[in-house]
ModelCIF file with pLDDT and N, C-alpha, C, O atoms, coordinates in Angstrom:
data_MODEL
#
_entry.id   MODEL 
#
_entity.id                         1 
_entity.type                       polymer 
_entity.pdbx_number_of_molecules   1 
#
_entity_poly.entity_id                      1 
_entity_poly.type                           'polypeptide(L)' 
_entity_poly.nstd_linkage                   no 
_entity_poly.nstd_monomer                   no 
_entity_poly.pdbx_seq_one_letter_code       
;(UNK)(UNK)(UNK)(UNK)(UNK)(UNK)(UNK)(UNK)(UNK)(UNK)(UNK)(UNK)(UNK)(UNK)(UNK)(UNK)
(UNK)(UNK)(UNK)(UNK)(UNK)(UNK)(UNK)(UNK)(UNK)(UNK)(UNK)(UNK)(UNK)(UNK)(UNK)
;
_entity_poly.pdbx_seq_one_letter_code_can   XXXXXXXXXXXXXXXXXXXXXXXXXXXXXXX 
_entity_poly.pdbx_strand_id                 A 
#
loop_
_entity_poly_seq.entity_id 
_entity_poly_seq.num 
_entity_poly_seq.mon_id 
_entity_poly_seq.hetero 
1 1  UNK n 
1 2  UNK n 
1 3  UNK n 
1 4  UNK n 
1 5  UNK n 
1 6  UNK n 
1 7  UNK n 
1 8  UNK n 
1 9  UNK n 
1 10 UNK n 
1 11 UNK n 
1 12 UNK n 
1 13 UNK n 
1 14 UNK n 
1 15 UNK n 
1 16 UNK n 
1 17 UNK n 
1 18 UNK n 
1 19 UNK n 
1 20 UNK n 
1 21 UNK n 
1 22 UNK n 
1 23 UNK n 
1 24 UNK n 
1 25 UNK n 
1 26 UNK n 
1 27 UNK n 
1 28 UNK n 
1 29 UNK n 
1 30 UNK n 
1 31 UNK n 
#
_struct_asym.id          A 
_struct_asym.entity_id   1 
#
loop_
_ma_qa_metric.id 
_ma_qa_metric.mode 
_ma_qa_metric.name 
_ma_qa_metric.software_group_id 
_ma_qa_metric.type 
1 global pLDDT . pLDDT 
2 local  pLDDT . pLDDT 
#
_ma_qa_metric_global.metric_id      1 
_ma_qa_metric_global.metric_value   83.71 
_ma_qa_metric_global.model_id       1 
_ma_qa_metric_global.ordinal_id     1 
#
loop_
_ma_qa_metric_local.label_asym_id 
_ma_qa_metric_local.label_comp_id 
_ma_qa_metric_local.label_seq_id 
_ma_qa_metric_local.metric_id 
_ma_qa_metric_local.metric_value 
_ma_qa_metric_local.model_id 
_ma_qa_metric_local.ordinal_id 
A UNK 1  2 84.00 1 1  
A UNK 2  2 86.00 1 2  
A UNK 3  2 82.00 1 3  
A UNK 4  2 83.00 1 4  
A UNK 5  2 87.00 1 5  
A UNK 6  2 89.00 1 6  
A UNK 7  2 88.00 1 7  
A UNK 8  2 83.00 1 8  
A UNK 9  2 83.00 1 9  
A UNK 10 2 78.00 1 10 
A UNK 11 2 84.00 1 11 
A UNK 12 2 83.00 1 12 
A UNK 13 2 87.00 1 13 
A UNK 14 2 83.00 1 14 
A UNK 15 2 79.00 1 15 
A UNK 16 2 84.00 1 16 
A UNK 17 2 86.00 1 17 
A UNK 18 2 80.00 1 18 
A UNK 19 2 79.00 1 19 
A UNK 20 2 83.00 1 20 
A UNK 21 2 83.00 1 21 
A UNK 22 2 78.00 1 22 
A UNK 23 2 79.00 1 23 
A UNK 24 2 86.00 1 24 
A UNK 25 2 85.00 1 25 
A UNK 26 2 82.00 1 26 
A UNK 27 2 85.00 1 27 
A UNK 28 2 88.00 1 28 
A UNK 29 2 86.00 1 29 
A UNK 30 2 84.00 1 30 
A UNK 31 2 88.00 1 31 
#
loop_
_atom_site.group_PDB 
_atom_site.id 
_atom_site.type_symbol 
_atom_site.label_atom_id 
_atom_site.label_alt_id 
_atom_site.label_comp_id 
_atom_site.label_asym_id 
_atom_site.label_entity_id 
_atom_site.label_seq_id 
_atom_site.pdbx_PDB_ins_code 
_atom_site.Cartn_x 
_atom_site.Cartn_y 
_atom_site.Cartn_z 
_atom_site.occupancy 
_atom_site.B_iso_or_equiv 
_atom_site.pdbx_formal_charge 
_atom_site.auth_seq_id 
_atom_site.auth_comp_id 
_atom_site.auth_asym_id 
_atom_site.auth_atom_id 
_atom_site.pdbx_PDB_model_num 
ATOM 1   N N  . UNK A 1 1  ? -2.619  -9.241  -1.473 1.00 84.00 ? 1  UNK A N  1 
ATOM 2   C CA . UNK A 1 1  ? -2.651  -10.636 -1.610 1.00 84.00 ? 1  UNK A CA 1 
ATOM 3   C C  . UNK A 1 1  ? -1.276  -11.348 -1.296 1.00 84.00 ? 1  UNK A C  1 
ATOM 4   O O  . UNK A 1 1  ? -1.131  -12.430 -0.726 1.00 84.00 ? 1  UNK A O  1 
ATOM 5   N N  . UNK A 1 2  ? -0.348  -10.550 -1.766 1.00 86.00 ? 2  UNK A N  1 
ATOM 6   C CA . UNK A 1 2  ? 1.014   -11.154 -1.244 1.00 86.00 ? 2  UNK A CA 1 
ATOM 7   C C  . UNK A 1 2  ? 1.169   -11.045 0.207  1.00 86.00 ? 2  UNK A C  1 
ATOM 8   O O  . UNK A 1 2  ? 1.565   -12.006 0.867  1.00 86.00 ? 2  UNK A O  1 
ATOM 9   N N  . UNK A 1 3  ? 0.885   -9.964  0.709  1.00 82.00 ? 3  UNK A N  1 
ATOM 10  C CA . UNK A 1 3  ? 0.884   -9.937  2.244  1.00 82.00 ? 3  UNK A CA 1 
ATOM 11  C C  . UNK A 1 3  ? 0.027   -10.776 3.091  1.00 82.00 ? 3  UNK A C  1 
ATOM 12  O O  . UNK A 1 3  ? 0.312   -11.087 4.247  1.00 82.00 ? 3  UNK A O  1 
ATOM 13  N N  . UNK A 1 4  ? -1.212  -11.186 2.362  1.00 83.00 ? 4  UNK A N  1 
ATOM 14  C CA . UNK A 1 4  ? -1.894  -12.173 2.925  1.00 83.00 ? 4  UNK A CA 1 
ATOM 15  C C  . UNK A 1 4  ? -1.454  -13.580 2.953  1.00 83.00 ? 4  UNK A C  1 
ATOM 16  O O  . UNK A 1 4  ? -1.733  -14.413 3.814  1.00 83.00 ? 4  UNK A O  1 
ATOM 17  N N  . UNK A 1 5  ? -0.695  -13.743 1.849  1.00 87.00 ? 5  UNK A N  1 
ATOM 18  C CA . UNK A 1 5  ? 0.259   -15.204 1.636  1.00 87.00 ? 5  UNK A CA 1 
ATOM 19  C C  . UNK A 1 5  ? 1.087   -15.205 2.770  1.00 87.00 ? 5  UNK A C  1 
ATOM 20  O O  . UNK A 1 5  ? 1.204   -16.284 3.352  1.00 87.00 ? 5  UNK A O  1 
ATOM 21  N N  . UNK A 1 6  ? 1.772   -14.085 3.275  1.00 89.00 ? 6  UNK A N  1 
ATOM 22  C CA . UNK A 1 6  ? 2.839   -13.975 4.263  1.00 89.00 ? 6  UNK A CA 1 
ATOM 23  C C  . UNK A 1 6  ? 2.287   -14.038 5.612  1.00 89.00 ? 6  UNK A C  1 
ATOM 24  O O  . UNK A 1 6  ? 3.005   -14.289 6.580  1.00 89.00 ? 6  UNK A O  1 
ATOM 25  N N  . UNK A 1 7  ? 0.797   -13.775 5.724  1.00 88.00 ? 7  UNK A N  1 
ATOM 26  C CA . UNK A 1 7  ? 0.236   -13.926 7.129  1.00 88.00 ? 7  UNK A CA 1 
ATOM 27  C C  . UNK A 1 7  ? -0.105  -12.574 7.680  1.00 88.00 ? 7  UNK A C  1 
ATOM 28  O O  . UNK A 1 7  ? -0.555  -12.390 8.811  1.00 88.00 ? 7  UNK A O  1 
ATOM 29  N N  . UNK A 1 8  ? 0.150   -11.618 6.770  1.00 83.00 ? 8  UNK A N  1 
ATOM 30  C CA . UNK A 1 8  ? -0.370  -10.053 7.273  1.00 83.00 ? 8  UNK A CA 1 
ATOM 31  C C  . UNK A 1 8  ? -1.731  -9.869  6.541  1.00 83.00 ? 8  UNK A C  1 
ATOM 32  O O  . UNK A 1 8  ? -2.084  -10.389 5.482  1.00 83.00 ? 8  UNK A O  1 
ATOM 33  N N  . UNK A 1 9  ? -2.375  -9.061  7.299  1.00 83.00 ? 9  UNK A N  1 
ATOM 34  C CA . UNK A 1 9  ? -3.697  -8.420  6.925  1.00 83.00 ? 9  UNK A CA 1 
ATOM 35  C C  . UNK A 1 9  ? -3.768  -6.968  6.444  1.00 83.00 ? 9  UNK A C  1 
ATOM 36  O O  . UNK A 1 9  ? -2.980  -6.124  6.871  1.00 83.00 ? 9  UNK A O  1 
ATOM 37  N N  . UNK A 1 10 ? -4.679  -6.702  5.587  1.00 78.00 ? 10 UNK A N  1 
ATOM 38  C CA . UNK A 1 10 ? -4.867  -5.068  5.417  1.00 78.00 ? 10 UNK A CA 1 
ATOM 39  C C  . UNK A 1 10 ? -6.270  -4.975  5.615  1.00 78.00 ? 10 UNK A C  1 
ATOM 40  O O  . UNK A 1 10 ? -7.073  -5.806  5.191  1.00 78.00 ? 10 UNK A O  1 
ATOM 41  N N  . UNK A 1 11 ? -6.576  -3.892  6.303  1.00 84.00 ? 11 UNK A N  1 
ATOM 42  C CA . UNK A 1 11 ? -8.016  -3.580  6.636  1.00 84.00 ? 11 UNK A CA 1 
ATOM 43  C C  . UNK A 1 11 ? -8.475  -2.803  5.352  1.00 84.00 ? 11 UNK A C  1 
ATOM 44  O O  . UNK A 1 11 ? -7.690  -2.242  4.588  1.00 84.00 ? 11 UNK A O  1 
ATOM 45  N N  . UNK A 1 12 ? -9.810  -2.834  5.208  1.00 83.00 ? 12 UNK A N  1 
ATOM 46  C CA . UNK A 1 12 ? -10.532 -2.218  4.201  1.00 83.00 ? 12 UNK A CA 1 
ATOM 47  C C  . UNK A 1 12 ? -9.919  -0.773  4.028  1.00 83.00 ? 12 UNK A C  1 
ATOM 48  O O  . UNK A 1 12 ? -9.494  -0.354  2.952  1.00 83.00 ? 12 UNK A O  1 
ATOM 49  N N  . UNK A 1 13 ? -9.921  -0.020  5.274  1.00 87.00 ? 13 UNK A N  1 
ATOM 50  C CA . UNK A 1 13 ? -9.580  1.487   5.263  1.00 87.00 ? 13 UNK A CA 1 
ATOM 51  C C  . UNK A 1 13 ? -8.072  1.591   4.807  1.00 87.00 ? 13 UNK A C  1 
ATOM 52  O O  . UNK A 1 13 ? -7.740  2.573   4.143  1.00 87.00 ? 13 UNK A O  1 
ATOM 53  N N  . UNK A 1 14 ? -7.127  0.603   5.140  1.00 83.00 ? 14 UNK A N  1 
ATOM 54  C CA . UNK A 1 14 ? -5.724  0.677   4.640  1.00 83.00 ? 14 UNK A CA 1 
ATOM 55  C C  . UNK A 1 14 ? -5.681  0.286   3.156  1.00 83.00 ? 14 UNK A C  1 
ATOM 56  O O  . UNK A 1 14 ? -4.792  0.723   2.426  1.00 83.00 ? 14 UNK A O  1 
ATOM 57  N N  . UNK A 1 15 ? -6.592  -0.495  2.734  1.00 79.00 ? 15 UNK A N  1 
ATOM 58  C CA . UNK A 1 15 ? -6.589  -0.967  1.236  1.00 79.00 ? 15 UNK A CA 1 
ATOM 59  C C  . UNK A 1 15 ? -6.948  0.310   0.494  1.00 79.00 ? 15 UNK A C  1 
ATOM 60  O O  . UNK A 1 15 ? -6.310  0.503   -0.542 1.00 79.00 ? 15 UNK A O  1 
ATOM 61  N N  . UNK A 1 16 ? -7.899  1.258   0.856  1.00 84.00 ? 16 UNK A N  1 
ATOM 62  C CA . UNK A 1 16 ? -8.344  2.266   0.133  1.00 84.00 ? 16 UNK A CA 1 
ATOM 63  C C  . UNK A 1 16 ? -7.387  3.104   0.098  1.00 84.00 ? 16 UNK A C  1 
ATOM 64  O O  . UNK A 1 16 ? -7.264  3.697   -0.974 1.00 84.00 ? 16 UNK A O  1 
ATOM 65  N N  . UNK A 1 17 ? -6.360  3.461   1.257  1.00 86.00 ? 17 UNK A N  1 
ATOM 66  C CA . UNK A 1 17 ? -5.452  4.617   1.404  1.00 86.00 ? 17 UNK A CA 1 
ATOM 67  C C  . UNK A 1 17 ? -4.112  4.038   0.800  1.00 86.00 ? 17 UNK A C  1 
ATOM 68  O O  . UNK A 1 17 ? -3.174  4.813   0.608  1.00 86.00 ? 17 UNK A O  1 
ATOM 69  N N  . UNK A 1 18 ? -3.999  2.734   0.504  1.00 80.00 ? 18 UNK A N  1 
ATOM 70  C CA . UNK A 1 18 ? -2.482  2.354   0.025  1.00 80.00 ? 18 UNK A CA 1 
ATOM 71  C C  . UNK A 1 18 ? -2.464  2.918   -1.459 1.00 80.00 ? 18 UNK A C  1 
ATOM 72  O O  . UNK A 1 18 ? -1.340  3.324   -1.755 1.00 80.00 ? 18 UNK A O  1 
ATOM 73  N N  . UNK A 1 19 ? -3.269  3.035   -2.327 1.00 79.00 ? 19 UNK A N  1 
ATOM 74  C CA . UNK A 1 19 ? -2.991  3.582   -3.525 1.00 79.00 ? 19 UNK A CA 1 
ATOM 75  C C  . UNK A 1 19 ? -2.394  5.100   -3.720 1.00 79.00 ? 19 UNK A C  1 
ATOM 76  O O  . UNK A 1 19 ? -1.525  5.534   -4.477 1.00 79.00 ? 19 UNK A O  1 
ATOM 77  N N  . UNK A 1 20 ? -3.126  5.660   -2.834 1.00 83.00 ? 20 UNK A N  1 
ATOM 78  C CA . UNK A 1 20 ? -2.291  7.176   -2.496 1.00 83.00 ? 20 UNK A CA 1 
ATOM 79  C C  . UNK A 1 20 ? -1.086  7.057   -2.061 1.00 83.00 ? 20 UNK A C  1 
ATOM 80  O O  . UNK A 1 20 ? -0.186  7.560   -2.733 1.00 83.00 ? 20 UNK A O  1 
ATOM 81  N N  . UNK A 1 21 ? -0.776  6.364   -0.834 1.00 83.00 ? 21 UNK A N  1 
ATOM 82  C CA . UNK A 1 21 ? 0.477   6.150   -0.425 1.00 83.00 ? 21 UNK A CA 1 
ATOM 83  C C  . UNK A 1 21 ? 1.565   5.693   -1.263 1.00 83.00 ? 21 UNK A C  1 
ATOM 84  O O  . UNK A 1 21 ? 2.678   6.216   -1.214 1.00 83.00 ? 21 UNK A O  1 
ATOM 85  N N  . UNK A 1 22 ? 1.221   4.563   -2.165 1.00 78.00 ? 22 UNK A N  1 
ATOM 86  C CA . UNK A 1 22 ? 2.119   4.209   -2.915 1.00 78.00 ? 22 UNK A CA 1 
ATOM 87  C C  . UNK A 1 22 ? 2.434   5.222   -4.263 1.00 78.00 ? 22 UNK A C  1 
ATOM 88  O O  . UNK A 1 22 ? 3.527   5.246   -4.828 1.00 78.00 ? 22 UNK A O  1 
ATOM 89  N N  . UNK A 1 23 ? 1.519   5.867   -4.572 1.00 79.00 ? 23 UNK A N  1 
ATOM 90  C CA . UNK A 1 23 ? 1.689   6.907   -5.656 1.00 79.00 ? 23 UNK A CA 1 
ATOM 91  C C  . UNK A 1 23 ? 2.634   8.023   -5.106 1.00 79.00 ? 23 UNK A C  1 
ATOM 92  O O  . UNK A 1 23 ? 3.524   8.502   -5.810 1.00 79.00 ? 23 UNK A O  1 
ATOM 93  N N  . UNK A 1 24 ? 2.389   8.442   -3.737 1.00 86.00 ? 24 UNK A N  1 
ATOM 94  C CA . UNK A 1 24 ? 3.175   9.570   -3.113 1.00 86.00 ? 24 UNK A CA 1 
ATOM 95  C C  . UNK A 1 24 ? 4.605   9.085   -2.971 1.00 86.00 ? 24 UNK A C  1 
ATOM 96  O O  . UNK A 1 24 ? 5.523   9.861   -3.237 1.00 86.00 ? 24 UNK A O  1 
ATOM 97  N N  . UNK A 1 25 ? 4.867   7.742   -2.532 1.00 85.00 ? 25 UNK A N  1 
ATOM 98  C CA . UNK A 1 25 ? 6.209   7.455   -2.251 1.00 85.00 ? 25 UNK A CA 1 
ATOM 99  C C  . UNK A 1 25 ? 6.933   7.336   -3.729 1.00 85.00 ? 25 UNK A C  1 
ATOM 100 O O  . UNK A 1 25 ? 8.103   7.688   -3.882 1.00 85.00 ? 25 UNK A O  1 
ATOM 101 N N  . UNK A 1 26 ? 6.181   6.842   -4.734 1.00 82.00 ? 26 UNK A N  1 
ATOM 102 C CA . UNK A 1 26 ? 6.786   6.786   -6.150 1.00 82.00 ? 26 UNK A CA 1 
ATOM 103 C C  . UNK A 1 26 ? 7.124   8.119   -6.592 1.00 82.00 ? 26 UNK A C  1 
ATOM 104 O O  . UNK A 1 26 ? 8.197   8.278   -7.173 1.00 82.00 ? 26 UNK A O  1 
ATOM 105 N N  . UNK A 1 27 ? 6.228   9.257   -6.363 1.00 85.00 ? 27 UNK A N  1 
ATOM 106 C CA . UNK A 1 27 ? 6.507   10.551  -6.842 1.00 85.00 ? 27 UNK A CA 1 
ATOM 107 C C  . UNK A 1 27 ? 7.612   11.157  -5.995 1.00 85.00 ? 27 UNK A C  1 
ATOM 108 O O  . UNK A 1 27 ? 8.358   11.972  -6.538 1.00 85.00 ? 27 UNK A O  1 
ATOM 109 N N  . UNK A 1 28 ? 7.759   10.901  -4.958 1.00 88.00 ? 28 UNK A N  1 
ATOM 110 C CA . UNK A 1 28 ? 9.038   11.378  -3.895 1.00 88.00 ? 28 UNK A CA 1 
ATOM 111 C C  . UNK A 1 28 ? 10.282  10.650  -4.381 1.00 88.00 ? 28 UNK A C  1 
ATOM 112 O O  . UNK A 1 28 ? 11.308  11.316  -4.521 1.00 88.00 ? 28 UNK A O  1 
ATOM 113 N N  . UNK A 1 29 ? 10.294  9.244   -4.675 1.00 86.00 ? 29 UNK A N  1 
ATOM 114 C CA . UNK A 1 29 ? 11.456  8.711   -5.115 1.00 86.00 ? 29 UNK A CA 1 
ATOM 115 C C  . UNK A 1 29 ? 11.811  9.151   -6.549 1.00 86.00 ? 29 UNK A C  1 
ATOM 116 O O  . UNK A 1 29 ? 13.007  9.248   -6.824 1.00 86.00 ? 29 UNK A O  1 
ATOM 117 N N  . UNK A 1 30 ? 10.890  9.424   -7.483 1.00 84.00 ? 30 UNK A N  1 
ATOM 118 C CA . UNK A 1 30 ? 10.975  10.027  -8.643 1.00 84.00 ? 30 UNK A CA 1 
ATOM 119 C C  . UNK A 1 30 ? 11.845  11.273  -8.548 1.00 84.00 ? 30 UNK A C  1 
ATOM 120 O O  . UNK A 1 30 ? 12.840  11.449  -9.251 1.00 84.00 ? 30 UNK A O  1 
ATOM 121 N N  . UNK A 1 31 ? 11.347  12.224  -7.518 1.00 88.00 ? 31 UNK A N  1 
ATOM 122 C CA . UNK A 1 31 ? 11.815  13.409  -7.471 1.00 88.00 ? 31 UNK A CA 1 
ATOM 123 C C  . UNK A 1 31 ? 13.361  13.453  -7.056 1.00 88.00 ? 31 UNK A C  1 
ATOM 124 O O  . UNK A 1 31 ? 13.946  14.532  -6.970 1.00 88.00 ? 31 UNK A O  1 
#
């Protein structure tokens, strides 16, 4: 939603992959 307000769009496929990507990034940063 925030990106949409800034003029960016996320495809449905990207939206499905984003939670996995974010949790992987969070795990990496935590490590």
